[in-house]
Amino acid sequence: MTTLRVDPSSLVTPLATVQHKAGLWAQADQQVFAVVMGHRVPGLPTRLAAADVAAFDCLLPGALEPQTTLDAPYLVQLRPVSGFTDWLLFEAAASLGEWGVLVRSPARLIVLRNHLRGLLQALLPGGQRIRLDWMDPAVMRAVLPLAGPSDLTAFFGPVRSLVVPGARAWQHADLQMGRLVQRDIPVLQTE
């Protein structure tokens, strides 16, 4: 197995939510994107149309039925100073639960979108293709540790790290020297 799981209690000091957010933009060559599942965020397309984001695009290609448009996953290029970014990272993470995943990447939106679209299907051992909602944190946590080094390299592609923000901890997944490294960084509780 190529997964290294780090126990946060032994290595990581809890961070305030603003510190978690600042860490996303700590590397100047990395952009921060969110892959948001429409079926977890009511009215997502309308919210995105009015949001102060750099750009966004649906991960499902082509013309979609209205309900599919509402339920689809969207790739959103976040701005570090934005009401939408703060809502997604702090309020939505606390009230909506696991709405999707953050992606740090040096790639432009269209390059990343094309790569992520390619991850929406999986091939089963019997040759059957299935839809894979890899951006669902529960699916991501179940599937990534099972992948070998070459599959992980293909999966990550232009992605440098994946982050799932949460009310109690932010979960990070990175590919380091062909190995999946996952760590939970607790959120400093102020109450």
Protein backbone atom coordinates (compact mmCIF):
# COMPACT_ATOMS: atom_id res chain seq x y z
CA MET A 1 0.00 0.00 0.00
CA THR A 2 1.30 3.47 -0.87
CA THR A 3 -0.54 5.48 1.76
CA LEU A 4 1.08 7.19 4.69
CA ARG A 5 -1.43 8.36 7.30
CA VAL A 6 -0.10 10.91 9.76
CA ASP A 7 -1.61 11.06 13.25
CA PRO A 8 -2.47 14.75 13.75
CA SER A 9 -2.39 14.57 17.53
CA SER A 10 1.31 13.74 17.50
CA LEU A 11 2.56 16.21 14.89
CA VAL A 12 0.13 19.03 14.22
CA THR A 13 -0.85 22.08 16.20
CA PRO A 14 -4.46 23.17 15.63
CA LEU A 15 -4.84 26.22 13.40
CA ALA A 16 -7.44 28.95 13.43
CA THR A 17 -9.70 28.89 10.39
CA VAL A 18 -8.04 32.04 9.01
CA GLN A 19 -4.67 30.28 9.25
CA HIS A 20 -6.05 27.31 7.33
CA LYS A 21 -7.32 29.69 4.66
CA ALA A 22 -4.03 31.60 4.46
CA GLY A 23 -2.15 28.34 4.02
CA LEU A 24 -4.07 27.63 0.83
CA TRP A 25 -2.44 30.62 -0.85
CA ALA A 26 0.98 30.23 0.81
CA GLN A 27 2.71 29.25 -2.44
CA ALA A 28 2.63 31.96 -5.07
CA ASP A 29 2.78 29.48 -7.96
CA GLN A 30 -0.37 27.66 -6.81
CA GLN A 31 -3.95 28.63 -7.50
CA VAL A 32 -6.83 27.49 -5.34
CA PHE A 33 -9.88 25.88 -6.87
CA ALA A 34 -12.96 24.30 -5.34
CA VAL A 35 -14.77 21.34 -6.82
CA VAL A 36 -18.28 21.85 -5.46
CA MET A 37 -21.00 19.22 -5.78
CA GLY A 38 -24.21 20.91 -6.85
CA HIS A 39 -26.39 18.32 -5.16
CA ARG A 40 -24.84 19.32 -1.81
CA VAL A 41 -25.11 23.11 -2.27
CA PRO A 42 -28.67 24.25 -3.07
CA GLY A 43 -28.86 26.69 -5.98
CA LEU A 44 -25.15 26.43 -6.77
CA PRO A 45 -25.28 27.63 -10.41
CA THR A 46 -27.20 30.77 -9.38
CA ARG A 47 -24.89 31.37 -6.43
CA LEU A 48 -21.82 31.04 -8.70
CA ALA A 49 -23.24 33.42 -11.29
CA ALA A 50 -23.42 36.13 -8.60
CA ALA A 51 -20.21 35.15 -6.76
CA ASP A 52 -16.94 37.08 -6.64
CA VAL A 53 -14.83 34.24 -8.03
CA ALA A 54 -12.10 34.36 -10.66
CA ALA A 55 -13.90 31.85 -12.90
CA PHE A 56 -16.00 28.68 -12.82
CA ASP A 57 -17.11 25.90 -15.13
CA CYS A 58 -19.23 22.80 -14.91
CA LEU A 59 -17.29 19.53 -14.82
CA LEU A 60 -19.99 17.79 -16.87
CA PRO A 61 -19.54 18.58 -20.57
CA GLY A 62 -22.19 19.63 -23.04
CA ALA A 63 -25.75 20.87 -22.75
CA LEU A 64 -27.36 19.54 -19.59
CA GLU A 65 -30.91 19.04 -18.44
CA PRO A 66 -31.99 21.63 -15.82
CA GLN A 67 -31.85 19.19 -12.90
CA THR A 68 -28.46 17.87 -13.99
CA THR A 69 -27.18 21.46 -14.14
CA LEU A 70 -28.27 21.96 -10.52
CA ASP A 71 -26.75 18.68 -9.32
CA ALA A 72 -23.50 18.76 -11.30
CA PRO A 73 -20.03 19.33 -9.86
CA TYR A 74 -18.47 22.71 -10.64
CA LEU A 75 -14.84 23.76 -10.75
CA VAL A 76 -14.46 27.21 -9.19
CA GLN A 77 -11.28 29.28 -9.18
CA LEU A 78 -11.33 30.99 -5.79
CA ARG A 79 -9.99 34.41 -4.84
CA PRO A 80 -8.17 34.78 -1.51
CA VAL A 81 -10.28 37.82 -0.59
CA SER A 82 -13.87 37.01 -1.47
CA GLY A 83 -17.20 36.71 0.26
CA PHE A 84 -17.86 33.50 -1.66
CA THR A 85 -14.51 32.00 -0.62
CA ASP A 86 -15.16 32.81 3.03
CA TRP A 87 -18.70 31.43 2.81
CA LEU A 88 -17.50 28.19 1.22
CA LEU A 89 -14.54 27.62 3.55
CA PHE A 90 -16.16 28.62 6.82
CA GLU A 91 -19.96 28.67 6.70
CA ALA A 92 -20.65 25.96 4.12
CA ALA A 93 -18.02 23.66 5.63
CA ALA A 94 -19.76 23.99 9.01
CA SER A 95 -23.41 23.97 7.91
CA LEU A 96 -23.50 21.89 4.70
CA GLY A 97 -20.88 19.33 5.65
CA GLU A 98 -18.72 17.87 2.93
CA TRP A 99 -19.67 19.90 -0.14
CA GLY A 100 -16.61 18.87 -2.19
CA VAL A 101 -12.87 19.41 -2.18
CA LEU A 102 -10.30 22.17 -2.62
CA VAL A 103 -7.63 21.69 -5.26
CA ARG A 104 -4.28 23.47 -5.30
CA SER A 105 -2.68 23.55 -8.72
CA PRO A 106 -0.45 25.72 -10.93
CA ALA A 107 -2.67 24.86 -13.93
CA ARG A 108 -5.10 27.21 -15.60
CA LEU A 109 -8.79 26.52 -15.09
CA ILE A 110 -9.38 24.95 -18.51
CA VAL A 111 -6.39 22.59 -18.17
CA LEU A 112 -7.48 21.54 -14.71
CA ARG A 113 -11.11 21.20 -15.82
CA ASN A 114 -10.13 18.88 -18.66
CA HIS A 115 -8.02 16.75 -16.33
CA LEU A 116 -10.75 16.53 -13.68
CA ARG A 117 -13.40 15.66 -16.27
CA GLY A 118 -11.28 12.66 -17.14
CA LEU A 119 -11.59 11.43 -13.55
CA LEU A 120 -15.40 11.30 -13.56
CA GLN A 121 -15.46 7.69 -14.76
CA ALA A 122 -13.76 4.59 -13.43
CA LEU A 123 -13.13 1.29 -15.14
CA LEU A 124 -14.09 -1.76 -13.08
CA PRO A 125 -12.02 -4.95 -13.33
CA GLY A 126 -14.73 -6.53 -15.51
CA GLY A 127 -14.47 -3.70 -18.04
CA GLN A 128 -17.60 -1.83 -16.97
CA ARG A 129 -17.40 1.99 -16.77
CA ILE A 130 -19.07 3.70 -13.84
CA ARG A 131 -19.48 7.31 -12.80
CA LEU A 132 -17.04 8.24 -10.04
CA ASP A 133 -17.83 11.21 -7.81
CA TRP A 134 -14.19 11.42 -6.68
CA MET A 135 -14.80 14.95 -5.35
CA ASP A 136 -17.08 13.53 -2.66
CA PRO A 137 -14.73 13.46 0.36
CA ALA A 138 -16.07 10.07 1.48
CA VAL A 139 -15.36 8.57 -1.96
CA MET A 140 -11.95 10.24 -2.13
CA ARG A 141 -10.95 8.88 1.28
CA ALA A 142 -12.05 5.37 0.26
CA VAL A 143 -10.52 5.27 -3.24
CA LEU A 144 -7.19 7.13 -3.03
CA PRO A 145 -5.54 4.82 -0.47
CA LEU A 146 -6.29 1.84 -2.74
CA ALA A 147 -4.47 3.31 -5.74
CA GLY A 148 -0.94 2.32 -6.68
CA PRO A 149 1.82 4.83 -7.51
CA SER A 150 1.09 5.02 -11.25
CA ASP A 151 -2.66 5.42 -10.65
CA LEU A 152 -2.00 8.14 -8.07
CA THR A 153 0.30 9.97 -10.47
CA ALA A 154 -2.37 9.81 -13.18
CA PHE A 155 -5.11 10.87 -10.75
CA PHE A 156 -3.21 13.87 -9.38
CA GLY A 157 -1.83 15.05 -12.75
CA PRO A 158 -1.63 18.86 -12.41
CA VAL A 159 -3.07 18.74 -8.88
CA ARG A 160 -0.55 19.49 -6.13
CA SER A 161 -2.84 18.88 -3.16
CA LEU A 162 -6.43 18.17 -2.20
CA VAL A 163 -7.99 19.73 0.90
CA VAL A 164 -11.33 19.04 2.55
CA PRO A 165 -12.24 21.88 4.90
CA GLY A 166 -14.29 20.96 7.93
CA ALA A 167 -15.56 22.40 11.18
CA ARG A 168 -13.18 20.27 13.32
CA ALA A 169 -10.26 19.57 10.96
CA TRP A 170 -9.03 20.19 7.44
CA GLN A 171 -7.97 17.02 5.66
CA HIS A 172 -5.03 17.25 3.26
CA ALA A 173 -3.94 14.74 0.61
CA ASP A 174 -0.71 15.15 -1.35
CA LEU A 175 1.37 13.00 -3.64
CA GLN A 176 4.98 12.90 -2.43
CA MET A 177 7.53 10.75 -4.26
CA GLY A 178 4.78 8.48 -5.59
CA ARG A 179 3.17 8.02 -2.19
CA LEU A 180 -0.13 9.35 -0.98
CA VAL A 181 0.36 11.40 2.18
CA GLN A 182 -2.79 12.27 4.11
CA ARG A 183 -2.97 14.39 7.20
CA ASP A 184 -5.67 16.02 9.28
CA ILE A 185 -4.96 19.46 10.66
CA PRO A 186 -7.36 20.31 13.50
CA VAL A 187 -9.23 23.60 13.62
CA LEU A 188 -8.47 25.61 16.74
CA GLN A 189 -11.66 25.66 18.78
CA THR A 190 -12.21 29.07 20.37
CA GLU A 191 -15.26 28.22 22.46
